[in-house]
Amino acid sequence: MKKVILKVELHDDSIKKKAMKAVSGLQGVESVSVDLKDKKLTLTGDIDPVSVVGKLRKLCNTEIISVGPAKEEKKEEKKEDKKEDKKKDEKEQVADLLKAYQNYYQNQMKTQYYYPQHPTYYPRSIEEDPNACVIC
């Protein structure tokens, strides 16, 4: 279970509806919440943040704020285990953010398309006899 918080540029309700529909259709999404005041979209579930950002970039400008584990029931564990888990979770978060940023910068590069130039044809008039009669 992951909790992903995204900063999303939602201008109006129609874009909000499209974003909610696109994100809720992804596999593993359990809950979606939108805060228009702070321009944040919060997702929880077994999801890939990179695929979510890829979907939302088609609709609006999107940035990842944080990726972390969802809040679960508190279990009593040893303090040492928690410290090791936190270190692993931080490494996983950094790896997820790195993947997301790589996806972001790959989408930023735009290739310029050059239109093919068509050959120009010049019409030529060929007369067999320049002194010939025009009426004939």
Foldseek 3Di string as FASTA:
>chain_A
DKKWKKQWDDDDVVLVVVLCVQQVPDPFWDDWDADPVRRMIITDTPDQVQVSCVSSVVRTDMDTDWMFHDDDDDDDDDPVVVVVVVVVRVVVRVVSNVVNVVSVVVVVDDDDDDDDDDDDDDDDDDDPDPPDDPVD
